[in-house]
Protein backbone atom coordinates (compact mmCIF):
# COMPACT_ATOMS: atom_id res chain seq x y z
CA MET A 1 -59.17 18.48 40.28
CA SER A 2 -57.66 18.11 43.85
CA LEU A 3 -55.11 15.44 44.44
CA GLN A 4 -56.28 15.58 48.15
CA ASN A 5 -57.75 11.97 48.92
CA CYS A 6 -57.93 11.44 45.04
CA LYS A 7 -58.66 7.39 44.12
CA ILE A 8 -55.71 6.20 42.38
CA VAL A 9 -55.29 2.91 40.38
CA ILE A 10 -51.64 1.31 40.08
CA VAL A 11 -50.89 -0.44 36.82
CA THR A 12 -47.99 -2.49 36.23
CA ASP A 13 -46.42 -5.69 34.24
CA SER A 14 -46.69 -9.42 34.61
CA ILE A 15 -43.08 -9.76 35.11
CA ALA A 16 -43.22 -7.89 38.58
CA GLN A 17 -44.49 -11.10 39.53
CA VAL A 18 -47.21 -9.87 42.19
CA PRO A 19 -48.99 -12.45 44.02
CA SER A 20 -52.65 -12.90 42.48
CA ASP A 21 -53.89 -12.67 46.05
CA LEU A 22 -52.54 -9.26 46.24
CA VAL A 23 -53.22 -8.25 42.84
CA LYS A 24 -56.87 -8.82 43.79
CA GLU A 25 -56.96 -7.60 47.20
CA LEU A 26 -55.10 -3.96 46.22
CA GLY A 27 -57.20 -3.50 42.70
CA ILE A 28 -53.79 -3.52 40.73
CA ARG A 29 -54.21 -3.73 36.92
CA VAL A 30 -51.56 -6.03 35.68
CA SER A 31 -50.74 -5.45 31.81
CA PRO A 32 -49.34 -9.26 30.76
CA LEU A 33 -46.17 -10.01 29.01
CA VAL A 34 -46.11 -11.10 25.43
CA PHE A 35 -44.20 -14.11 23.92
CA THR A 36 -44.16 -16.25 21.06
CA VAL A 37 -43.33 -20.06 21.02
CA GLU A 38 -43.05 -21.63 17.63
CA GLY A 39 -45.06 -18.79 15.92
CA GLU A 40 -48.11 -18.83 18.40
CA THR A 41 -48.49 -15.60 20.43
CA TYR A 42 -49.43 -16.07 23.99
CA THR A 43 -49.98 -13.75 26.82
CA ASP A 44 -48.68 -14.18 30.67
CA ASN A 45 -52.34 -13.55 31.78
CA GLY A 46 -52.88 -16.69 33.78
CA ASP A 47 -54.00 -19.21 31.46
CA PHE A 48 -50.56 -20.19 30.28
CA ASP A 49 -48.59 -22.49 32.45
CA PRO A 50 -44.80 -21.08 32.50
CA GLN A 51 -43.81 -24.30 33.89
CA VAL A 52 -45.30 -26.22 30.76
CA LEU A 53 -42.67 -23.97 28.36
CA TYR A 54 -39.58 -24.58 30.71
CA ARG A 55 -40.25 -28.12 30.30
CA ARG A 56 -40.20 -27.99 26.34
CA MET A 57 -37.10 -25.42 26.57
CA ARG A 58 -34.96 -28.34 28.45
CA VAL A 59 -35.86 -31.11 25.82
CA GLU A 60 -36.57 -29.10 22.57
CA LYS A 61 -33.46 -27.81 22.17
CA GLU A 62 -34.52 -26.02 18.82
CA LEU A 63 -37.65 -24.35 20.05
CA LYS A 64 -38.07 -20.89 18.86
CA ILE A 65 -38.93 -18.42 21.44
CA THR A 66 -39.56 -14.53 21.28
CA THR A 67 -40.56 -12.25 23.72
CA GLY A 68 -42.41 -8.87 23.07
CA PHE A 69 -44.14 -6.37 24.61
CA PRO A 70 -47.50 -5.06 24.96
CA SER A 71 -49.16 -2.74 22.46
CA ILE A 72 -50.21 0.87 22.81
CA ASP A 73 -54.05 -0.23 22.51
CA GLN A 74 -53.61 -2.64 25.25
CA PHE A 75 -51.59 -0.37 27.87
CA ARG A 76 -54.40 2.49 26.62
CA ASN A 77 -57.09 0.19 27.25
CA ILE A 78 -55.69 -0.70 30.72
CA PHE A 79 -55.38 3.07 31.55
CA SER A 80 -58.49 4.33 30.09
CA ARG A 81 -60.50 1.50 32.04
CA ALA A 82 -59.21 2.37 35.08
CA LEU A 83 -60.53 5.96 34.66
CA SER A 84 -63.52 5.49 33.22
CA GLU A 85 -64.84 3.39 36.12
CA GLY A 86 -64.15 5.95 38.36
CA ALA A 87 -60.33 6.33 39.39
CA ASP A 88 -58.92 9.86 39.80
CA CYS A 89 -55.27 8.83 39.00
CA VAL A 90 -53.69 6.25 37.10
CA LEU A 91 -49.94 5.45 37.87
CA TYR A 92 -48.26 2.87 36.01
CA VAL A 93 -45.34 1.65 37.90
CA GLY A 94 -43.36 -0.19 34.98
CA LEU A 95 -40.50 -2.86 34.08
CA SER A 96 -37.14 -0.95 33.65
CA SER A 97 -36.59 0.89 30.35
CA ARG A 98 -33.03 -0.13 30.24
CA LEU A 99 -34.46 -3.68 29.67
CA SER A 100 -37.56 -3.67 27.47
CA SER A 101 -39.36 -1.35 25.45
CA THR A 102 -42.25 -1.93 27.34
CA PHE A 103 -42.08 1.42 29.36
CA GLY A 104 -41.68 3.49 26.07
CA VAL A 105 -44.85 2.15 24.74
CA ALA A 106 -46.39 2.77 28.32
CA GLU A 107 -45.74 6.21 27.84
CA VAL A 108 -47.26 6.60 24.64
CA ALA A 109 -50.39 5.13 25.77
CA MET A 110 -50.43 7.30 28.86
CA GLN A 111 -49.70 10.29 26.80
CA MET A 112 -52.85 9.45 24.69
CA VAL A 113 -55.23 8.74 28.28
CA ARG A 114 -54.20 12.43 29.19
CA GLU A 115 -55.59 13.84 26.23
CA GLU A 116 -58.63 11.50 26.66
CA PHE A 117 -59.39 12.77 30.41
CA PRO A 118 -57.49 15.93 30.72
CA ASP A 119 -59.04 16.51 34.06
CA ARG A 120 -57.26 13.40 35.87
CA GLN A 121 -54.15 12.61 36.60
CA ALA A 122 -51.86 9.86 34.62
CA GLU A 123 -48.21 8.85 35.11
CA CYS A 124 -45.68 6.46 34.61
CA PHE A 125 -42.51 5.47 36.82
CA ASP A 126 -39.69 3.60 35.64
CA THR A 127 -38.76 1.31 38.56
CA ARG A 128 -35.35 0.45 36.84
CA LEU A 129 -35.84 -2.78 38.09
CA ALA A 130 -37.98 -6.05 37.17
CA THR A 131 -39.38 -9.01 38.41
CA ILE A 132 -40.09 -9.10 42.46
CA ALA A 133 -38.00 -6.51 42.82
CA GLN A 134 -40.13 -4.13 40.93
CA GLY A 135 -43.02 -6.03 42.38
CA PHE A 136 -42.33 -4.63 46.29
CA LEU A 137 -42.78 -1.14 44.70
CA VAL A 138 -45.65 -2.23 42.92
CA ILE A 139 -47.33 -3.59 46.41
CA LYS A 140 -46.23 -0.68 48.48
CA ALA A 141 -47.47 1.85 46.11
CA ALA A 142 -50.72 0.33 46.09
CA ARG A 143 -50.92 0.13 49.88
CA MET A 144 -50.23 3.71 49.88
CA ALA A 145 -53.20 4.38 47.17
CA ALA A 146 -55.53 1.92 49.28
CA ARG A 147 -54.66 4.16 52.52
CA GLY A 148 -55.62 7.60 50.84
CA ALA A 149 -52.07 8.79 49.77
CA GLN A 150 -51.51 11.33 47.22
CA LEU A 151 -49.94 10.78 43.83
CA SER A 152 -47.36 13.01 44.82
CA GLU A 153 -46.69 11.16 48.15
CA ILE A 154 -46.54 7.97 46.12
CA LEU A 155 -44.28 9.11 43.45
CA ALA A 156 -41.40 10.60 46.19
CA TRP A 157 -41.80 7.25 47.77
CA LEU A 158 -40.83 5.56 45.10
CA ARG A 159 -38.08 7.68 43.65
CA GLN A 160 -36.22 7.29 47.04
CA GLU A 161 -37.00 3.42 47.55
CA ARG A 162 -36.27 2.19 44.30
CA ARG A 163 -32.68 3.00 45.28
CA ASN A 164 -32.81 0.67 48.30
CA ILE A 165 -34.11 -2.25 46.18
CA GLY A 166 -31.60 -4.71 44.31
CA LEU A 167 -31.74 -7.69 42.19
CA VAL A 168 -29.36 -10.29 41.93
CA ALA A 169 -29.68 -13.42 39.68
CA SER A 170 -27.59 -16.38 38.47
CA LEU A 171 -28.26 -18.49 35.22
CA GLU A 172 -28.46 -22.06 35.33
CA THR A 173 -27.36 -22.30 31.76
CA LEU A 174 -25.49 -19.70 29.11
CA GLU A 175 -27.43 -21.64 26.29
CA TYR A 176 -30.31 -18.95 26.08
CA LEU A 177 -27.97 -16.13 26.21
CA ALA A 178 -25.96 -17.53 23.25
CA ARG A 179 -29.49 -18.26 21.22
CA SER A 180 -30.64 -14.73 21.85
CA GLY A 181 -27.48 -13.29 20.68
CA ARG A 182 -26.50 -11.52 23.94
CA ILE A 183 -23.05 -13.58 24.08
CA ASN A 184 -21.26 -14.96 21.02
CA ASN A 185 -20.91 -18.47 20.56
CA ALA A 186 -17.24 -18.53 21.50
CA SER A 187 -17.91 -17.36 25.24
CA TYR A 188 -21.01 -19.89 25.24
CA LYS A 189 -18.60 -22.63 24.59
CA MET A 190 -15.97 -21.83 26.83
CA GLY A 191 -18.54 -20.94 29.49
CA SER A 192 -20.10 -24.14 29.13
CA MET A 193 -16.92 -26.22 28.99
CA ILE A 194 -15.55 -25.21 32.49
CA ASN A 195 -18.94 -24.49 34.05
CA ILE A 196 -18.91 -20.85 34.49
CA LEU A 197 -22.27 -19.17 34.66
CA PRO A 198 -22.64 -15.15 35.79
CA VAL A 199 -24.24 -13.44 38.52
CA LEU A 200 -26.03 -10.61 37.44
CA THR A 201 -27.45 -7.35 38.77
CA LEU A 202 -29.13 -3.96 37.68
CA THR A 203 -27.13 -0.99 38.01
CA GLU A 204 -29.05 2.09 39.65
CA ASP A 205 -30.14 3.07 36.04
CA GLY A 206 -31.71 -0.21 35.50
CA LYS A 207 -28.95 -1.89 33.12
CA VAL A 208 -28.01 -5.25 33.65
CA VAL A 209 -24.50 -6.07 34.66
CA LYS A 210 -22.22 -8.95 35.56
CA VAL A 211 -21.15 -8.66 39.22
CA VAL A 212 -18.91 -12.02 39.13
CA LEU A 213 -18.26 -15.40 37.59
CA VAL A 214 -19.01 -18.44 39.48
CA CYS A 215 -18.28 -22.20 38.58
CA SER A 216 -21.42 -24.37 39.01
CA PRO A 217 -21.08 -28.01 40.61
């Protein structure tokens, strides 16, 4: 199959926070985040209000929440459906592999899809980013695909531009870092006592690092 003028479908994760109007306009396929609250499993597919969860987290201090990642079958179904509906190429633009197992699961599913559709193109791209920083790459890739760009052009652009996009975030509280085991109890108590909160960023290879510590008001 020639890659010239092939129809490319872009797939990403809900964590990329691509606005719903752009998802619809650009035909982006979104794999929802999976999480469990008190033993009940949910997906971030638009039928669950995150603001409700945030309010519960503030009030119910012992609320048990865990995050997961989509199954191989979930990704395979998304990729296969795009190709079955007429796409020549499917490109997964995913969450940093250093932050989650999601990207690895997507790669396994994509390999299965390559075997199912040997005459099509199916690729995974690790943005090494998260949230809207990842989303910026997804949106641009989808716009390039809509204009008829070749898969090789989109991948080349993504490799170049992921180095020019950054992400900086601060945390309102250390509580959830402590509850998840990412910092020890002593660090949590000391930081909370003197109101020190970390400012975090992602390295070029997609790993979370601390930039600085700031004192909250």
